Protein backbone atom coordinates (compact mmCIF):
# COMPACT_ATOMS: atom_id res chain seq x y z
CA UNK A 1 82.25 110.43 96.44
CA UNK A 2 86.15 109.69 96.41
CA UNK A 3 88.33 110.83 93.67
CA UNK A 4 88.97 107.62 92.67
CA UNK A 5 85.08 106.38 92.75
CA UNK A 6 84.54 109.51 90.61
CA UNK A 7 87.12 108.44 88.09
CA UNK A 8 85.77 104.94 87.79
CA UNK A 9 82.31 106.06 87.01
CA UNK A 10 83.07 109.14 84.66
CA UNK A 11 84.89 106.25 82.66
CA UNK A 12 82.58 104.03 82.52
CA UNK A 13 79.84 106.80 81.42
CA UNK A 14 82.28 108.16 78.94
CA UNK A 15 81.64 104.59 76.96
CA UNK A 16 78.16 103.95 77.51
CA UNK A 17 77.62 107.35 76.50
CA UNK A 18 79.38 106.77 73.05
CA UNK A 19 81.90 109.76 74.15
CA UNK A 20 85.11 107.42 74.03
CA UNK A 21 85.39 104.70 71.37
CA UNK A 22 81.86 105.36 69.64
CA UNK A 23 81.60 102.97 66.74
CA UNK A 24 78.24 104.51 65.68
CA UNK A 25 78.21 106.29 61.73
CA UNK A 26 74.74 107.71 61.92
CA UNK A 27 72.96 110.16 64.70
CA UNK A 28 69.70 107.71 63.99
CA UNK A 29 72.43 104.66 65.88
CA UNK A 30 73.17 107.11 68.54
CA UNK A 31 69.44 108.12 69.27
CA UNK A 32 68.50 103.95 69.16
CA UNK A 33 70.69 103.57 71.79
CA UNK A 34 70.76 107.02 74.03
CA UNK A 35 67.14 106.19 74.16
CA UNK A 36 65.92 109.74 74.48
CA UNK A 37 68.19 112.53 74.61
CA UNK A 38 67.08 116.09 76.07
CA UNK A 39 65.97 118.55 72.79
CA UNK A 40 64.64 121.36 74.13
CA UNK A 41 67.04 123.25 72.35
CA UNK A 42 67.17 122.06 69.08
CA UNK A 43 70.72 122.85 68.00
CA UNK A 44 72.03 121.54 71.44
CA UNK A 45 70.02 117.89 70.15
CA UNK A 46 71.58 117.91 67.13
CA UNK A 47 75.24 118.65 68.45
CA UNK A 48 74.25 115.62 70.84
CA UNK A 49 73.81 113.34 68.18
CA UNK A 50 76.33 114.31 65.94
CA UNK A 51 79.43 114.13 69.19
CA UNK A 52 78.36 110.91 69.38
CA UNK A 53 78.86 109.70 65.46
CA UNK A 54 81.56 110.83 64.85
CA UNK A 55 82.30 112.36 61.49
CA UNK A 56 78.57 113.31 61.22
CA UNK A 57 77.47 116.76 60.24
CA UNK A 58 74.62 119.11 60.96
CA UNK A 59 73.09 118.27 57.83
CA UNK A 60 73.25 114.34 58.76
CA UNK A 61 71.37 114.77 61.64
CA UNK A 62 68.77 116.77 59.78
CA UNK A 63 68.56 113.89 57.17
CA UNK A 64 67.98 111.52 60.36
CA UNK A 65 64.83 113.78 61.08
CA UNK A 66 63.90 114.42 57.51
CA UNK A 67 63.67 110.99 56.36
CA UNK A 68 61.89 109.74 59.58
CA UNK A 69 63.91 108.02 61.51
CA UNK A 70 64.12 110.28 64.52
CA UNK A 71 61.62 113.06 65.99
CA UNK A 72 61.24 114.79 68.55
CA UNK A 73 58.62 114.80 71.23
CA UNK A 74 57.64 115.06 75.05
CA UNK A 75 58.28 111.39 76.03
CA UNK A 76 59.53 112.41 79.81
CA UNK A 77 59.34 114.96 82.58
CA UNK A 78 57.09 116.40 80.11
CA UNK A 79 60.03 117.98 78.61
CA UNK A 80 61.32 117.59 75.12
CA UNK A 81 63.57 115.00 73.70
CA UNK A 82 65.27 113.69 70.42
CA UNK A 83 63.78 109.47 70.17
CA UNK A 84 63.82 106.88 67.81
CA UNK A 85 60.66 107.55 65.52
CA UNK A 86 58.94 103.62 66.27
CA UNK A 87 59.44 104.10 70.28
CA UNK A 88 58.03 107.62 70.85
CA UNK A 89 54.53 105.60 71.41
CA UNK A 90 55.40 103.22 74.13
CA UNK A 91 57.46 105.82 75.76
CA UNK A 92 54.77 108.25 75.55
CA UNK A 93 52.47 105.64 77.16
CA UNK A 94 54.75 105.02 80.42
CA UNK A 95 53.88 108.29 82.14
CA UNK A 96 51.19 110.09 79.76
CA UNK A 97 48.66 109.80 81.55
CA UNK A 98 50.43 111.16 85.24
CA UNK A 99 51.52 113.89 83.34
CA UNK A 100 49.05 115.44 81.84
CA UNK A 101 47.07 115.48 85.21
CA UNK A 102 50.42 117.08 86.83
CA UNK A 103 49.01 119.97 83.87
CA UNK A 104 45.08 120.29 85.07
CA UNK A 105 45.42 122.96 87.30
CA UNK A 106 47.73 125.18 85.06
CA UNK A 107 45.12 124.58 81.90
CA UNK A 108 42.38 125.79 84.06
CA UNK A 109 44.23 128.41 84.87
CA UNK A 110 44.81 129.35 80.76
CA UNK A 111 41.17 128.61 80.13
CA UNK A 112 42.42 125.00 78.31
CA UNK A 113 39.87 122.59 79.17
CA UNK A 114 38.96 118.82 77.28
CA UNK A 115 36.32 120.52 75.00
CA UNK A 116 39.19 123.26 73.72
CA UNK A 117 41.84 120.35 73.37
CA UNK A 118 39.24 118.35 71.44
CA UNK A 119 38.86 121.38 69.00
CA UNK A 120 42.19 122.45 68.87
CA UNK A 121 43.14 118.50 68.10
CA UNK A 122 39.99 118.57 65.19
CA UNK A 123 41.84 122.24 63.57
CA UNK A 124 45.25 120.24 63.66
CA UNK A 125 44.43 117.13 61.96
CA UNK A 126 42.25 118.91 59.39
CA UNK A 127 45.80 120.75 58.98
CA UNK A 128 48.22 117.99 58.87
CA UNK A 129 46.49 115.19 57.05
CA UNK A 130 47.63 114.13 53.94
CA UNK A 131 51.10 114.60 54.52
CA UNK A 132 50.97 118.02 55.89
CA UNK A 133 53.79 119.81 56.91
CA UNK A 134 53.52 122.80 58.97
CA UNK A 135 56.15 124.70 61.40
CA UNK A 136 55.54 125.50 64.58
CA UNK A 137 54.47 129.14 64.16
CA UNK A 138 51.93 128.12 60.96
CA UNK A 139 50.51 125.37 63.10
CA UNK A 140 49.58 128.17 65.78
CA UNK A 141 48.25 130.33 62.76
CA UNK A 142 46.03 127.45 61.88
CA UNK A 143 44.66 127.30 65.22
CA UNK A 144 44.05 131.05 65.52
CA UNK A 145 42.56 130.89 62.22
CA UNK A 146 39.97 128.67 63.41
CA UNK A 147 39.00 130.27 66.86
CA UNK A 148 41.29 128.55 69.14
CA UNK A 149 42.75 130.98 70.87
CA UNK A 150 46.74 130.87 71.08
CA UNK A 151 48.25 133.89 72.94
CA UNK A 152 49.22 134.20 76.61
CA UNK A 153 51.06 130.68 76.19
CA UNK A 154 48.60 128.96 75.36
CA UNK A 155 49.83 128.15 72.00
CA UNK A 156 52.41 126.47 73.62
CA UNK A 157 50.09 123.83 75.96
CA UNK A 158 47.90 122.68 73.02
CA UNK A 159 51.06 121.45 71.02
CA UNK A 160 52.55 120.01 74.27
CA UNK A 161 48.98 118.06 74.79
CA UNK A 162 48.56 116.96 71.47
CA UNK A 163 52.18 115.85 71.57
CA UNK A 164 51.11 114.08 74.61
CA UNK A 165 48.02 113.05 73.26
CA UNK A 166 50.37 110.93 70.38
CA UNK A 167 48.64 113.05 67.81
CA UNK A 168 51.52 115.32 66.61
CA UNK A 169 54.95 115.30 66.61
CA UNK A 170 58.05 117.32 65.46
CA UNK A 171 59.41 115.82 62.39
CA UNK A 172 60.93 116.74 59.24
CA UNK A 173 63.47 119.67 59.25
CA UNK A 174 62.00 122.42 56.68
CA UNK A 175 63.55 126.24 55.64
CA UNK A 176 61.00 127.29 58.44
CA UNK A 177 62.67 125.04 61.06
CA UNK A 178 61.65 121.55 62.11
CA UNK A 179 57.95 120.95 60.55
CA UNK A 180 55.00 119.85 63.02
CA UNK A 181 53.54 115.90 61.55
CA UNK A 182 50.46 113.94 61.95
CA UNK A 183 52.45 111.13 64.45
CA UNK A 184 50.43 108.01 63.00
CA UNK A 185 51.19 109.22 59.42
CA UNK A 186 54.70 110.05 60.04
CA UNK A 187 55.31 107.23 61.81
CA UNK A 188 54.45 104.34 60.10
CA UNK A 189 56.04 101.10 62.37
CA UNK A 190 55.60 102.23 65.63
CA UNK A 191 56.65 99.11 68.02
CA UNK A 192 53.83 97.64 70.49
CA UNK A 193 54.73 97.01 73.43
CA UNK A 194 52.95 95.55 76.29
CA UNK A 195 53.70 97.78 79.75
CA UNK A 196 55.72 94.74 80.92
CA UNK A 197 57.91 94.57 78.26
CA UNK A 198 58.20 98.83 77.63
CA UNK A 199 59.33 99.11 81.72
CA UNK A 200 62.43 96.55 80.94
CA UNK A 201 62.95 98.24 77.55
CA UNK A 202 63.28 101.50 79.55
CA UNK A 203 65.17 99.62 81.98
CA UNK A 204 67.74 98.17 79.87
CA UNK A 205 68.04 100.87 77.48
CA UNK A 206 68.34 103.93 79.96
CA UNK A 207 70.99 101.99 82.08
CA UNK A 208 73.58 100.45 79.02
CA UNK A 209 73.41 104.64 78.02
CA UNK A 210 73.44 106.08 80.92
CA UNK A 211 75.26 103.34 83.55
CA UNK A 212 76.30 103.26 85.64
CA UNK A 213 73.39 104.92 87.25
CA UNK A 214 71.33 104.29 90.23
CA UNK A 215 67.56 103.61 90.89
CA UNK A 216 67.30 107.03 91.74
CA UNK A 217 68.65 108.62 88.53
CA UNK A 218 66.02 106.42 86.43
CA UNK A 219 63.55 107.26 88.64
CA UNK A 220 64.21 111.52 88.26
CA UNK A 221 65.31 110.59 84.29
CA UNK A 222 61.59 109.12 83.40
CA UNK A 223 59.25 109.71 86.00
CA UNK A 224 58.09 106.30 86.24
CA UNK A 225 57.06 105.44 89.95
CA UNK A 226 59.23 103.23 92.27
CA UNK A 227 57.06 99.64 91.83
CA UNK A 228 57.63 100.34 88.10
CA UNK A 229 61.00 101.23 87.73
CA UNK A 230 61.69 97.81 89.81
CA UNK A 231 59.61 96.02 87.79
CA UNK A 232 61.97 97.01 84.79
CA UNK A 233 65.17 96.38 86.25
CA UNK A 234 63.52 92.90 87.11
CA UNK A 235 62.57 92.52 83.64
CA UNK A 236 65.91 93.19 82.41
CA UNK A 237 66.84 89.90 83.89
CA UNK A 238 70.65 89.23 83.13
CA UNK A 239 71.03 92.21 80.12
CA UNK A 240 72.01 94.33 83.19
CA UNK A 241 74.62 93.56 86.09
CA UNK A 242 75.08 95.38 89.17
CA UNK A 243 78.45 97.43 90.32
CA UNK A 244 78.56 98.61 94.17
CA UNK A 245 80.63 102.13 94.86
CA UNK A 246 80.71 103.62 98.35
CA UNK A 247 77.88 101.75 99.38
CA UNK A 248 75.68 102.62 96.45
CA UNK A 249 74.06 100.22 93.76
CA UNK A 250 74.45 101.05 90.07
CA UNK A 251 73.44 99.30 87.29
CA UNK A 252 74.83 99.20 83.68
CA UNK A 253 74.95 96.86 80.96
CA UNK A 254 75.73 93.50 81.14
CA UNK A 255 78.15 93.86 78.59
CA UNK A 256 80.24 96.76 79.26
CA UNK A 257 83.65 95.88 80.63
CA UNK A 258 85.01 97.97 83.59
CA UNK A 259 88.26 99.30 81.67
CA UNK A 260 89.99 102.52 81.52
CA UNK A 261 89.57 104.56 78.24
CA UNK A 262 92.47 106.64 76.33
CA UNK A 263 92.34 110.65 77.66
CA UNK A 264 90.24 112.67 76.06
CA UNK A 265 88.36 116.27 75.36
CA UNK A 266 85.31 116.72 74.53
CA UNK A 267 82.60 119.79 73.77
CA UNK A 268 79.54 118.89 74.97
CA UNK A 269 76.55 121.22 74.46
CA UNK A 270 73.94 122.77 76.71
CA UNK A 271 71.54 119.97 78.41
CA UNK A 272 73.62 117.01 77.09
CA UNK A 273 72.73 113.58 78.66
CA UNK A 274 76.10 113.25 80.38
CA UNK A 275 75.58 115.42 82.97
CA UNK A 276 71.73 116.25 82.69
CA UNK A 277 70.35 112.64 82.76
CA UNK A 278 71.17 111.85 86.13
CA UNK A 279 69.89 113.06 89.31
CA UNK A 280 72.73 112.98 90.90
CA UNK A 281 75.67 114.16 88.77
CA UNK A 282 78.64 114.88 91.37
CA UNK A 283 80.55 111.68 89.59
CA UNK A 284 81.51 114.29 86.58
CA UNK A 285 80.88 117.94 88.04
CA UNK A 286 82.07 118.86 91.45
CA UNK A 287 79.74 120.44 93.39
CA UNK A 288 81.73 123.55 93.87
CA UNK A 289 81.63 124.49 90.24
CA UNK A 290 77.77 123.46 89.85
CA UNK A 291 76.56 126.69 89.24
CA UNK A 292 79.34 127.69 86.32
CA UNK A 293 77.09 124.70 84.52
CA UNK A 294 73.50 125.33 85.80
CA UNK A 295 73.44 129.16 86.88
CA UNK A 296 71.28 130.07 89.51
CA UNK A 297 70.19 126.85 89.36
CA UNK A 298 67.35 127.72 87.04
CA UNK A 299 67.32 124.60 84.47
CA UNK A 300 69.63 126.48 81.79
CA UNK A 301 72.73 123.55 81.11
CA UNK A 302 75.25 125.51 79.47
CA UNK A 303 77.67 123.70 77.00
CA UNK A 304 80.13 121.72 78.91
CA UNK A 305 83.54 120.93 78.18
CA UNK A 306 85.12 117.96 79.37
CA UNK A 307 88.07 116.43 79.90
CA UNK A 308 88.61 112.47 81.15
CA UNK A 309 85.22 112.35 82.08
CA UNK A 310 85.02 115.34 84.19
CA UNK A 311 83.36 118.99 83.43
CA UNK A 312 85.58 121.16 83.82
CA UNK A 313 84.65 124.51 82.12
CA UNK A 314 81.87 126.28 79.90
CA UNK A 315 82.31 127.20 76.07
CA UNK A 316 80.13 129.18 73.80
CA UNK A 317 80.37 129.84 70.14
CA UNK A 318 79.95 132.58 67.67
CA UNK A 319 79.13 131.96 64.30
CA UNK A 320 80.97 134.25 61.50
CA UNK A 321 79.80 133.96 57.37
CA UNK A 322 81.96 131.08 56.81
CA UNK A 323 83.36 129.86 60.20
CA UNK A 324 83.01 129.41 63.90
CA UNK A 325 84.36 131.12 66.55
CA UNK A 326 84.88 129.33 70.11
CA UNK A 327 85.40 130.23 73.48
CA UNK A 328 85.93 128.27 76.39
CA UNK A 329 86.11 129.16 80.23
CA UNK A 330 88.14 126.28 82.38
CA UNK A 331 87.48 126.46 86.22
CA UNK A 332 91.14 125.72 86.34
CA UNK A 333 94.53 126.17 84.26
CA UNK A 334 94.90 124.52 81.96
CA UNK A 335 97.94 122.30 80.36
CA UNK A 336 99.41 122.62 77.05
CA UNK A 337 98.67 119.00 76.28
CA UNK A 338 94.22 119.35 77.13
CA UNK A 339 94.77 122.84 75.21
CA UNK A 340 95.46 121.21 72.18
CA UNK A 341 92.77 118.90 72.76
CA UNK A 342 90.28 121.52 72.77
CA UNK A 343 91.42 123.37 69.61
CA UNK A 344 91.53 119.78 67.96
CA UNK A 345 87.77 119.28 69.36
CA UNK A 346 86.68 123.07 68.24
CA UNK A 347 88.13 121.75 64.78
CA UNK A 348 85.79 119.23 64.82
CA UNK A 349 82.55 121.12 65.91
CA UNK A 350 83.80 123.69 62.85
CA UNK A 351 83.39 120.43 60.55
CA UNK A 352 80.11 119.66 61.74
CA UNK A 353 78.63 122.63 60.89
CA UNK A 354 80.07 123.06 57.59
CA UNK A 355 82.44 125.95 58.87
CA UNK A 356 86.04 126.96 58.99
CA UNK A 357 87.49 126.94 62.05
CA UNK A 358 87.61 131.10 63.56
CA UNK A 359 89.39 132.17 66.68
CA UNK A 360 89.84 129.77 68.95
CA UNK A 361 90.65 130.90 72.50
CA UNK A 362 90.51 129.04 76.24
CA UNK A 363 91.24 130.96 79.47
CA UNK A 364 90.66 129.88 83.12
CA UNK A 365 88.46 132.28 85.83
């Protein structure tokens, strides 16, 4: 991809992903706009929501979970995501059956069959009904006490299965982390969409929040089938527009203008949608630096330094009693302007945590 094309796509994605000129004031607004955000690491997901709603703190994110506007579950790719609570049901329905069929061999190897899952569902419902809230560990203890063994990774797969079935989700925050709740009690006003409506909703909101993106990106991200994705794009009608770049067709919101944004720098969490949300990531991360962000190509995405739309390094935090230290490693030497923007971004992260800004360093290596 030519440098000018990379810059153009990255510029548009900064806006669609609300990483530049965001007008959102709450994490819940971000969650609705982004459709679903990778959330296997809760602390990363919390920052991903807050960095897109300037001024939001971790307490604001936790409040959105606790008040019930957002939840965590496994709607796409069999992976944890943050979603608007009301949208979880139709998202799960799009790929749930195929996802569960694909896990049958693994489940059989763990001795998990339909009878076991049914017993587990009964135990979980009895433990949570009436507004019950249990941590993951407490819920597994309930299963063990009822004779449903959770050792050898069985417990995680049971929770995963029951969440796909729509029985449970991760809802309010508590002293022991995020609590498991019954979905039908926690999500009191679920949106009801037909399959065609859901596919159109998927296409519109994915391309609006991730565009410019390709059909292949949507297929990888959602795991819907090609005919389903095409039905979704067709159903989107004039809510989407096409953009041709170097012979490749991209989709984005019909309302998004192709205008430059002011240069800036953001510190993104690991697993952030800005990189992970696409099958092809060349527009924002040069291939020669990919191993620095995803070491060993093992599915672990490190926190990223993004400058002018390009991933230019990684960063890590060390939380002290009253402050947070942030150390960044960039792929190339930085200018004084970039360094100043980095220090400002680190200050914003400390504010998000409610801590003082500790030692803030940046080095190229």
